[in-house]
Amino acid sequence: MIGDAIAGWIGNRIDRRDGEGGTLGTIAGVLSWKAAKKIVPAALVIGGAAYAYRHFTKSRQEVA
């Protein structure tokens, strides 16, 4: 909840730079924060799994 408020505030401040308003920036900030909370951990898990697969297959080829 606090993360959403901070993301909304940051998006609002960025959108106000053009002098027109900040509502769209607030919405974009909150949505990007919510997406990042799910995408970044998933990317870390997928990247870790890919690294582990590569490491284990490479070590198997060296043994054989």
Protein backbone atom coordinates (compact mmCIF):
# COMPACT_ATOMS: atom_id res chain seq x y z
CA MET A 1 0.00 0.00 0.00
CA ILE A 2 2.76 2.44 0.89
CA GLY A 3 4.68 1.32 -2.21
CA ASP A 4 1.65 2.15 -4.35
CA ALA A 5 1.41 5.60 -2.78
CA ILE A 6 5.10 6.29 -3.34
CA ALA A 7 4.93 5.05 -6.94
CA GLY A 8 1.87 7.23 -7.54
CA TRP A 9 3.61 10.27 -6.10
CA ILE A 10 6.73 9.70 -8.21
CA GLY A 11 4.62 9.20 -11.36
CA ASN A 12 2.67 12.35 -10.56
CA ARG A 13 5.85 14.41 -10.15
CA ILE A 14 7.28 13.10 -13.40
CA ASP A 15 4.07 13.82 -15.31
CA ARG A 16 3.84 17.37 -13.94
CA ARG A 17 7.14 18.29 -15.58
CA ASP A 18 5.34 18.99 -18.86
CA GLY A 19 3.04 21.46 -17.09
CA GLU A 20 -0.26 19.79 -17.97
CA GLY A 21 -1.11 17.60 -14.99
CA GLY A 22 -0.23 14.51 -13.08
CA THR A 23 -3.17 12.08 -13.01
CA LEU A 24 -1.97 9.96 -15.90
CA GLY A 25 1.50 9.82 -14.37
CA THR A 26 0.04 8.68 -11.06
CA ILE A 27 -1.83 5.85 -12.74
CA ALA A 28 1.21 4.87 -14.81
CA GLY A 29 3.44 4.92 -11.72
CA VAL A 30 1.13 2.67 -9.71
CA LEU A 31 0.60 0.23 -12.58
CA SER A 32 4.30 -0.02 -13.33
CA TRP A 33 5.02 -0.62 -9.62
CA LYS A 34 2.43 -3.40 -9.48
CA ALA A 35 3.83 -5.00 -12.64
CA ALA A 36 7.41 -4.73 -11.40
CA LYS A 37 6.50 -6.46 -8.13
CA LYS A 38 5.49 -9.54 -10.12
CA ILE A 39 7.81 -9.43 -13.13
CA VAL A 40 11.15 -8.82 -11.41
CA PRO A 41 10.95 -11.81 -9.02
CA ALA A 42 9.74 -14.03 -11.85
CA ALA A 43 12.63 -12.90 -14.04
CA LEU A 44 15.09 -13.66 -11.23
CA VAL A 45 13.66 -17.17 -10.78
CA ILE A 46 13.69 -17.89 -14.52
CA GLY A 47 17.21 -16.50 -14.87
CA GLY A 48 18.43 -18.57 -11.93
CA ALA A 49 16.88 -21.70 -13.36
CA ALA A 50 18.45 -21.05 -16.77
CA TYR A 51 21.84 -20.47 -15.16
CA ALA A 52 21.56 -23.66 -13.09
CA TYR A 53 20.54 -25.68 -16.15
CA ARG A 54 23.49 -24.32 -18.11
CA HIS A 55 25.89 -24.95 -15.25
CA PHE A 56 24.79 -28.55 -14.71
CA THR A 57 24.73 -29.46 -18.40
CA LYS A 58 28.18 -27.95 -18.90
CA SER A 59 29.60 -29.85 -15.91
CA ARG A 60 28.08 -33.09 -17.24
CA GLN A 61 29.75 -32.62 -20.63
CA GLU A 62 33.13 -32.13 -18.98
CA VAL A 63 32.78 -35.39 -17.03
CA ALA A 64 31.69 -37.49 -20.02
